[in-house]
Amino acid sequence: MTDHLGSCLCGAVNFEVRGDFDSFYLCHCQHCQKDTGSAHAANLFSQSAKLVWRSGADAGTSFTIPNTRHNKSFCKLCGSALPSTQIPGLLVVPAGCMDTKISMAPTAHIFSSSKAVWDERLEDVPKFRGLPG
């Protein structure tokens, strides 16, 4: 069993995930595109790991799209994505909010039929180590 640490961008919320992740999905559905502002969400899933709020649990909030299972938990102060336990028996953790390194490679791309048109051939786009000058 592994313990993982994570936090939000402003540092108000800190949490620990006790246990292992079962899968790591890159979701291209339109809901995930909207709530990340990006081509896809990168979420870790576990049916057995436990979420422990170390600080700032009261700074977290959650939004569920009516009549769906799509949920986004986030920090009320900075808007950073946070873990969600809104689906019974399932912990969903945005990979980008983890402070400890995740050695698990993504399991799969999901909802690829909704993939953003501009999310093609990204290996051909120039790469910079920092902000281009």
N, C-alpha and C. Protein backbone atom coordinates (compact mmCIF):
# COMPACT_ATOMS: atom_id res chain seq x y z
N MET A 1 0.84 -1.18 0.00
CA MET A 1 0.00 0.00 0.00
C MET A 1 0.89 1.24 0.00
N THR A 2 0.47 2.23 -0.74
CA THR A 2 1.24 3.45 -0.91
C THR A 2 0.44 4.63 -0.42
N ASP A 3 1.13 5.61 0.16
CA ASP A 3 0.49 6.86 0.53
C ASP A 3 0.93 7.94 -0.45
N HIS A 4 -0.03 8.76 -0.87
CA HIS A 4 0.22 9.82 -1.83
C HIS A 4 -0.24 11.14 -1.21
N LEU A 5 0.52 12.22 -1.45
CA LEU A 5 0.16 13.54 -0.95
C LEU A 5 -0.23 14.44 -2.11
N GLY A 6 -1.17 15.35 -1.85
CA GLY A 6 -1.59 16.30 -2.86
C GLY A 6 -2.07 17.59 -2.23
N SER A 7 -2.25 18.61 -3.08
CA SER A 7 -2.70 19.91 -2.60
C SER A 7 -3.26 20.72 -3.75
N CYS A 8 -3.87 21.85 -3.41
CA CYS A 8 -4.37 22.77 -4.42
C CYS A 8 -3.27 23.79 -4.74
N LEU A 9 -3.52 24.62 -5.71
CA LEU A 9 -2.55 25.60 -6.17
C LEU A 9 -2.19 26.62 -5.10
N CYS A 10 -3.16 27.07 -4.32
CA CYS A 10 -2.88 28.09 -3.30
C CYS A 10 -2.38 27.50 -2.00
N GLY A 11 -2.44 26.18 -1.85
CA GLY A 11 -1.95 25.52 -0.64
C GLY A 11 -2.94 25.47 0.51
N ALA A 12 -4.12 25.98 0.31
CA ALA A 12 -5.12 25.96 1.39
C ALA A 12 -5.60 24.55 1.69
N VAL A 13 -5.66 23.70 0.66
CA VAL A 13 -6.15 22.33 0.81
C VAL A 13 -4.98 21.37 0.64
N ASN A 14 -4.82 20.49 1.62
CA ASN A 14 -3.81 19.43 1.56
C ASN A 14 -4.50 18.12 1.90
N PHE A 15 -4.13 17.07 1.19
CA PHE A 15 -4.78 15.77 1.42
C PHE A 15 -3.78 14.64 1.24
N GLU A 16 -4.21 13.49 1.69
CA GLU A 16 -3.43 12.26 1.56
C GLU A 16 -4.34 11.18 1.00
N VAL A 17 -3.80 10.38 0.10
CA VAL A 17 -4.51 9.22 -0.40
C VAL A 17 -3.75 8.01 0.13
N ARG A 18 -4.43 7.23 0.95
CA ARG A 18 -3.84 6.02 1.53
C ARG A 18 -4.31 4.81 0.74
N GLY A 19 -3.39 4.24 0.00
CA GLY A 19 -3.72 3.08 -0.82
C GLY A 19 -3.23 3.26 -2.24
N ASP A 20 -3.61 2.34 -3.07
CA ASP A 20 -3.14 2.31 -4.45
C ASP A 20 -4.24 2.70 -5.42
N PHE A 21 -3.82 3.20 -6.57
CA PHE A 21 -4.76 3.54 -7.64
C PHE A 21 -4.94 2.31 -8.53
N ASP A 22 -6.18 2.12 -8.99
CA ASP A 22 -6.51 0.99 -9.86
C ASP A 22 -6.28 1.33 -11.33
N SER A 23 -6.56 2.57 -11.69
CA SER A 23 -6.46 2.97 -13.09
C SER A 23 -6.19 4.46 -13.19
N PHE A 24 -5.77 4.86 -14.39
CA PHE A 24 -5.41 6.25 -14.67
C PHE A 24 -5.93 6.54 -16.07
N TYR A 25 -7.03 7.29 -16.15
CA TYR A 25 -7.67 7.53 -17.44
C TYR A 25 -7.50 8.98 -17.88
N LEU A 26 -7.28 9.13 -19.19
CA LEU A 26 -7.28 10.44 -19.83
C LEU A 26 -8.62 10.54 -20.54
N CYS A 27 -9.51 11.36 -19.99
CA CYS A 27 -10.89 11.43 -20.48
C CYS A 27 -11.07 12.62 -21.40
N HIS A 28 -11.55 12.33 -22.61
CA HIS A 28 -11.74 13.35 -23.65
C HIS A 28 -13.20 13.76 -23.80
N CYS A 29 -14.08 13.40 -22.87
CA CYS A 29 -15.49 13.78 -23.01
C CYS A 29 -15.63 15.30 -22.94
N GLN A 30 -16.73 15.79 -23.46
CA GLN A 30 -16.93 17.24 -23.50
C GLN A 30 -17.06 17.85 -22.10
N HIS A 31 -17.57 17.10 -21.14
CA HIS A 31 -17.64 17.61 -19.76
C HIS A 31 -16.24 17.84 -19.21
N CYS A 32 -15.35 16.87 -19.42
CA CYS A 32 -13.98 17.01 -18.92
C CYS A 32 -13.23 18.13 -19.65
N GLN A 33 -13.50 18.31 -20.93
CA GLN A 33 -12.89 19.42 -21.64
C GLN A 33 -13.34 20.75 -21.03
N LYS A 34 -14.61 20.88 -20.72
CA LYS A 34 -15.14 22.11 -20.13
C LYS A 34 -14.56 22.35 -18.73
N ASP A 35 -14.55 21.30 -17.88
CA ASP A 35 -14.13 21.56 -16.50
C ASP A 35 -12.62 21.66 -16.33
N THR A 36 -11.83 21.25 -17.33
CA THR A 36 -10.38 21.45 -17.24
C THR A 36 -9.92 22.61 -18.12
N GLY A 37 -10.73 22.99 -19.11
CA GLY A 37 -10.30 24.01 -20.05
C GLY A 37 -9.20 23.49 -20.97
N SER A 38 -9.11 22.18 -21.08
CA SER A 38 -8.03 21.55 -21.85
C SER A 38 -8.61 20.44 -22.72
N ALA A 39 -7.71 19.70 -23.35
CA ALA A 39 -8.13 18.64 -24.26
C ALA A 39 -8.72 17.44 -23.54
N HIS A 40 -8.29 17.22 -22.30
CA HIS A 40 -8.77 16.06 -21.56
C HIS A 40 -8.48 16.24 -20.07
N ALA A 41 -9.17 15.45 -19.28
CA ALA A 41 -8.88 15.35 -17.85
C ALA A 41 -7.95 14.16 -17.65
N ALA A 42 -7.11 14.23 -16.63
CA ALA A 42 -6.20 13.14 -16.28
C ALA A 42 -6.53 12.75 -14.84
N ASN A 43 -7.27 11.65 -14.67
CA ASN A 43 -7.76 11.26 -13.36
C ASN A 43 -7.31 9.86 -12.96
N LEU A 44 -6.93 9.75 -11.69
CA LEU A 44 -6.58 8.47 -11.06
C LEU A 44 -7.82 7.95 -10.36
N PHE A 45 -8.06 6.64 -10.44
CA PHE A 45 -9.25 6.02 -9.84
C PHE A 45 -8.84 4.94 -8.86
N SER A 46 -9.59 4.84 -7.76
CA SER A 46 -9.38 3.75 -6.81
C SER A 46 -10.69 3.37 -6.15
N GLN A 47 -10.89 2.06 -6.01
CA GLN A 47 -12.06 1.56 -5.29
C GLN A 47 -11.71 1.22 -3.86
N SER A 48 -10.41 1.24 -3.51
CA SER A 48 -10.01 0.82 -2.16
C SER A 48 -9.24 1.88 -1.38
N ALA A 49 -8.61 2.83 -2.06
CA ALA A 49 -7.81 3.84 -1.35
C ALA A 49 -8.73 4.75 -0.53
N LYS A 50 -8.16 5.30 0.52
CA LYS A 50 -8.90 6.20 1.41
C LYS A 50 -8.36 7.61 1.29
N LEU A 51 -9.26 8.57 1.24
CA LEU A 51 -8.92 9.99 1.17
C LEU A 51 -8.93 10.57 2.58
N VAL A 52 -7.84 11.25 2.95
CA VAL A 52 -7.74 11.91 4.25
C VAL A 52 -7.42 13.39 4.00
N TRP A 53 -8.30 14.27 4.45
CA TRP A 53 -8.05 15.70 4.33
C TRP A 53 -7.10 16.10 5.45
N ARG A 54 -5.92 16.59 5.12
CA ARG A 54 -4.93 17.00 6.12
C ARG A 54 -5.17 18.44 6.58
N SER A 55 -5.62 19.29 5.68
CA SER A 55 -5.99 20.67 6.03
C SER A 55 -6.86 21.25 4.92
N GLY A 56 -7.67 22.21 5.29
CA GLY A 56 -8.45 22.96 4.32
C GLY A 56 -9.65 22.26 3.72
N ALA A 57 -10.14 21.22 4.34
CA ALA A 57 -11.30 20.51 3.78
C ALA A 57 -12.48 21.46 3.56
N ASP A 58 -12.62 22.45 4.43
CA ASP A 58 -13.72 23.42 4.31
C ASP A 58 -13.53 24.36 3.12
N ALA A 59 -12.33 24.41 2.53
CA ALA A 59 -12.09 25.24 1.34
C ALA A 59 -12.48 24.50 0.07
N GLY A 60 -12.82 23.23 0.18
CA GLY A 60 -13.21 22.46 -0.99
C GLY A 60 -14.72 22.51 -1.21
N THR A 61 -15.11 22.42 -2.45
CA THR A 61 -16.52 22.35 -2.80
C THR A 61 -16.66 21.44 -4.00
N SER A 62 -17.90 21.21 -4.42
CA SER A 62 -18.14 20.24 -5.47
C SER A 62 -19.31 20.68 -6.33
N PHE A 63 -19.27 20.30 -7.60
CA PHE A 63 -20.36 20.57 -8.53
C PHE A 63 -20.63 19.31 -9.34
N THR A 64 -21.89 18.92 -9.42
CA THR A 64 -22.29 17.78 -10.25
C THR A 64 -23.27 18.28 -11.30
N ILE A 65 -23.01 17.93 -12.55
CA ILE A 65 -23.93 18.30 -13.62
C ILE A 65 -25.23 17.54 -13.39
N PRO A 66 -26.35 18.25 -13.32
CA PRO A 66 -27.64 17.56 -13.08
C PRO A 66 -27.88 16.42 -14.05
N ASN A 67 -28.44 15.34 -13.52
CA ASN A 67 -28.81 14.15 -14.28
C ASN A 67 -27.61 13.42 -14.90
N THR A 68 -26.40 13.64 -14.32
CA THR A 68 -25.20 12.92 -14.78
C THR A 68 -24.42 12.46 -13.56
N ARG A 69 -23.38 11.67 -13.80
CA ARG A 69 -22.45 11.31 -12.74
C ARG A 69 -21.21 12.20 -12.79
N HIS A 70 -21.21 13.18 -13.71
CA HIS A 70 -20.01 14.03 -13.86
C HIS A 70 -19.93 15.03 -12.72
N ASN A 71 -18.84 14.91 -11.97
CA ASN A 71 -18.63 15.75 -10.80
C ASN A 71 -17.26 16.39 -10.87
N LYS A 72 -17.17 17.62 -10.39
CA LYS A 72 -15.88 18.30 -10.26
C LYS A 72 -15.80 18.84 -8.84
N SER A 73 -14.76 18.43 -8.12
CA SER A 73 -14.47 18.97 -6.80
C SER A 73 -13.29 19.92 -6.96
N PHE A 74 -13.33 21.04 -6.24
CA PHE A 74 -12.30 22.05 -6.43
C PHE A 74 -12.18 22.95 -5.21
N CYS A 75 -11.05 23.66 -5.13
CA CYS A 75 -10.80 24.62 -4.06
C CYS A 75 -11.59 25.89 -4.33
N LYS A 76 -12.34 26.37 -3.33
CA LYS A 76 -13.12 27.59 -3.47
C LYS A 76 -12.24 28.83 -3.61
N LEU A 77 -11.00 28.75 -3.15
CA LEU A 77 -10.12 29.91 -3.18
C LEU A 77 -9.36 30.06 -4.50
N CYS A 78 -8.81 28.96 -5.03
CA CYS A 78 -8.00 29.07 -6.24
C CYS A 78 -8.57 28.32 -7.45
N GLY A 79 -9.59 27.51 -7.24
CA GLY A 79 -10.22 26.79 -8.34
C GLY A 79 -9.55 25.49 -8.74
N SER A 80 -8.47 25.12 -8.07
CA SER A 80 -7.76 23.88 -8.41
C SER A 80 -8.65 22.67 -8.23
N ALA A 81 -8.48 21.70 -9.13
CA ALA A 81 -9.21 20.44 -9.03
C ALA A 81 -8.76 19.66 -7.80
N LEU A 82 -9.70 19.02 -7.15
CA LEU A 82 -9.44 18.23 -5.94
C LEU A 82 -10.09 16.85 -6.07
N PRO A 83 -9.69 15.91 -5.23
CA PRO A 83 -10.29 14.57 -5.26
C PRO A 83 -11.79 14.60 -5.01
N SER A 84 -12.46 13.61 -5.57
CA SER A 84 -13.91 13.51 -5.42
C SER A 84 -14.29 12.12 -4.94
N THR A 85 -15.25 12.09 -4.03
CA THR A 85 -15.83 10.83 -3.56
C THR A 85 -17.34 10.84 -3.81
N GLN A 86 -17.78 11.58 -4.80
CA GLN A 86 -19.20 11.74 -5.06
C GLN A 86 -19.85 10.49 -5.63
N ILE A 87 -19.08 9.63 -6.28
CA ILE A 87 -19.62 8.36 -6.78
C ILE A 87 -19.34 7.32 -5.71
N PRO A 88 -20.37 6.73 -5.10
CA PRO A 88 -20.16 5.78 -4.00
C PRO A 88 -19.19 4.66 -4.38
N GLY A 89 -18.22 4.43 -3.50
CA GLY A 89 -17.26 3.35 -3.70
C GLY A 89 -16.13 3.68 -4.65
N LEU A 90 -16.04 4.94 -5.10
CA LEU A 90 -15.01 5.31 -6.05
C LEU A 90 -14.35 6.63 -5.67
N LEU A 91 -13.04 6.60 -5.56
CA LEU A 91 -12.25 7.81 -5.34
C LEU A 91 -11.66 8.23 -6.67
N VAL A 92 -11.89 9.48 -7.07
CA VAL A 92 -11.36 10.02 -8.31
C VAL A 92 -10.44 11.18 -7.94
N VAL A 93 -9.17 11.08 -8.35
CA VAL A 93 -8.16 12.07 -7.98
C VAL A 93 -7.54 12.66 -9.25
N PRO A 94 -7.68 13.99 -9.45
CA PRO A 94 -7.01 14.61 -10.58
C PRO A 94 -5.50 14.45 -10.45
N ALA A 95 -4.86 13.88 -11.47
CA ALA A 95 -3.43 13.58 -11.38
C ALA A 95 -2.60 14.84 -11.16
N GLY A 96 -3.03 15.96 -11.70
CA GLY A 96 -2.27 17.19 -11.59
C GLY A 96 -2.22 17.80 -10.21
N CYS A 97 -3.08 17.36 -9.29
CA CYS A 97 -3.07 17.92 -7.93
C CYS A 97 -2.18 17.11 -6.99
N MET A 98 -1.55 16.07 -7.52
CA MET A 98 -0.69 15.24 -6.68
C MET A 98 0.68 15.91 -6.50
N ASP A 99 1.18 15.89 -5.27
CA ASP A 99 2.52 16.42 -4.97
C ASP A 99 3.56 15.32 -5.01
N THR A 100 3.17 14.09 -4.71
CA THR A 100 4.09 12.97 -4.83
C THR A 100 4.02 12.46 -6.27
N LYS A 101 5.13 11.94 -6.74
CA LYS A 101 5.18 11.46 -8.11
C LYS A 101 4.31 10.23 -8.28
N ILE A 102 3.62 10.20 -9.39
CA ILE A 102 2.79 9.05 -9.75
C ILE A 102 3.57 8.25 -10.79
N SER A 103 3.93 7.03 -10.45
CA SER A 103 4.71 6.21 -11.36
C SER A 103 3.83 5.46 -12.36
N MET A 104 2.55 5.42 -12.11
CA MET A 104 1.62 4.70 -12.97
C MET A 104 1.45 5.45 -14.30
N ALA A 105 1.57 4.72 -15.40
CA ALA A 105 1.32 5.30 -16.72
C ALA A 105 -0.19 5.31 -16.96
N PRO A 106 -0.69 6.22 -17.78
CA PRO A 106 -2.12 6.19 -18.08
C PRO A 106 -2.55 4.82 -18.60
N THR A 107 -3.71 4.39 -18.12
CA THR A 107 -4.28 3.10 -18.51
C THR A 107 -4.85 3.17 -19.92
N ALA A 108 -5.57 4.27 -20.19
CA ALA A 108 -6.23 4.40 -21.50
C ALA A 108 -6.75 5.81 -21.69
N HIS A 109 -6.97 6.16 -22.96
CA HIS A 109 -7.75 7.35 -23.33
C HIS A 109 -9.20 6.87 -23.37
N ILE A 110 -10.11 7.64 -22.78
CA ILE A 110 -11.52 7.27 -22.83
C ILE A 110 -12.33 8.41 -23.46
N PHE A 111 -13.49 8.08 -23.99
CA PHE A 111 -14.35 9.01 -24.71
C PHE A 111 -13.58 9.70 -25.83
N SER A 112 -12.74 8.92 -26.51
CA SER A 112 -11.92 9.48 -27.59
C SER A 112 -12.76 9.95 -28.78
N SER A 113 -14.00 9.52 -28.86
CA SER A 113 -14.88 9.99 -29.95
C SER A 113 -15.21 11.47 -29.77
N SER A 114 -15.00 12.01 -28.57
CA SER A 114 -15.24 13.43 -28.30
C SER A 114 -13.96 14.25 -28.32
N LYS A 115 -12.87 13.65 -28.72
CA LYS A 115 -11.56 14.30 -28.70
C LYS A 115 -11.61 15.65 -29.44
N ALA A 116 -10.98 16.67 -28.85
CA ALA A 116 -10.92 18.00 -29.46
C ALA A 116 -10.18 17.93 -30.79
N VAL A 117 -10.66 18.65 -31.77
CA VAL A 117 -10.05 18.65 -33.09
C VAL A 117 -8.58 19.06 -33.01
N TRP A 118 -8.26 20.01 -32.15
CA TRP A 118 -6.88 20.51 -32.04
C TRP A 118 -5.97 19.59 -31.24
N ASP A 119 -6.52 18.49 -30.72
CA ASP A 119 -5.74 17.52 -29.96
C ASP A 119 -5.26 16.39 -30.88
N GLU A 120 -4.74 16.74 -32.02
CA GLU A 120 -4.21 15.78 -32.99
C GLU A 120 -2.76 16.15 -33.29
N ARG A 121 -1.96 15.16 -33.54
CA ARG A 121 -0.57 15.34 -33.96
C ARG A 121 0.21 16.30 -33.05
N LEU A 122 -0.03 16.24 -31.76
CA LEU A 122 0.64 17.13 -30.82
C LEU A 122 2.14 16.88 -30.75
N GLU A 123 2.58 15.69 -31.15
CA GLU A 123 4.01 15.41 -31.15
C GLU A 123 4.75 16.29 -32.16
N ASP A 124 4.03 16.88 -33.13
CA ASP A 124 4.64 17.75 -34.14
C ASP A 124 4.70 19.22 -33.70
N VAL A 125 4.05 19.57 -32.61
CA VAL A 125 4.03 20.95 -32.12
C VAL A 125 5.38 21.25 -31.44
N PRO A 126 5.97 22.44 -31.72
CA PRO A 126 7.25 22.78 -31.07
C PRO A 126 7.16 22.70 -29.55
N LYS A 127 8.28 22.34 -28.93
CA LYS A 127 8.35 22.19 -27.47
C LYS A 127 9.37 23.17 -26.91
N PHE A 128 9.03 23.82 -25.79
CA PHE A 128 9.91 24.74 -25.09
C PHE A 128 10.02 24.28 -23.64
N ARG A 129 11.17 24.43 -23.02
CA ARG A 129 11.36 24.05 -21.62
C ARG A 129 10.69 25.03 -20.66
N GLY A 130 10.38 26.20 -21.13
CA GLY A 130 9.72 27.24 -20.35
C GLY A 130 8.89 28.10 -21.30
N LEU A 131 8.51 29.28 -20.84
CA LEU A 131 7.74 30.21 -21.66
C LEU A 131 8.58 30.66 -22.84
N PRO A 132 8.06 30.55 -24.07
CA PRO A 132 8.87 30.99 -25.22
C PRO A 132 9.16 32.48 -25.13
N GLY A 133 10.35 32.85 -25.51
CA GLY A 133 10.77 34.24 -25.38
C GLY A 133 10.82 34.90 -26.67
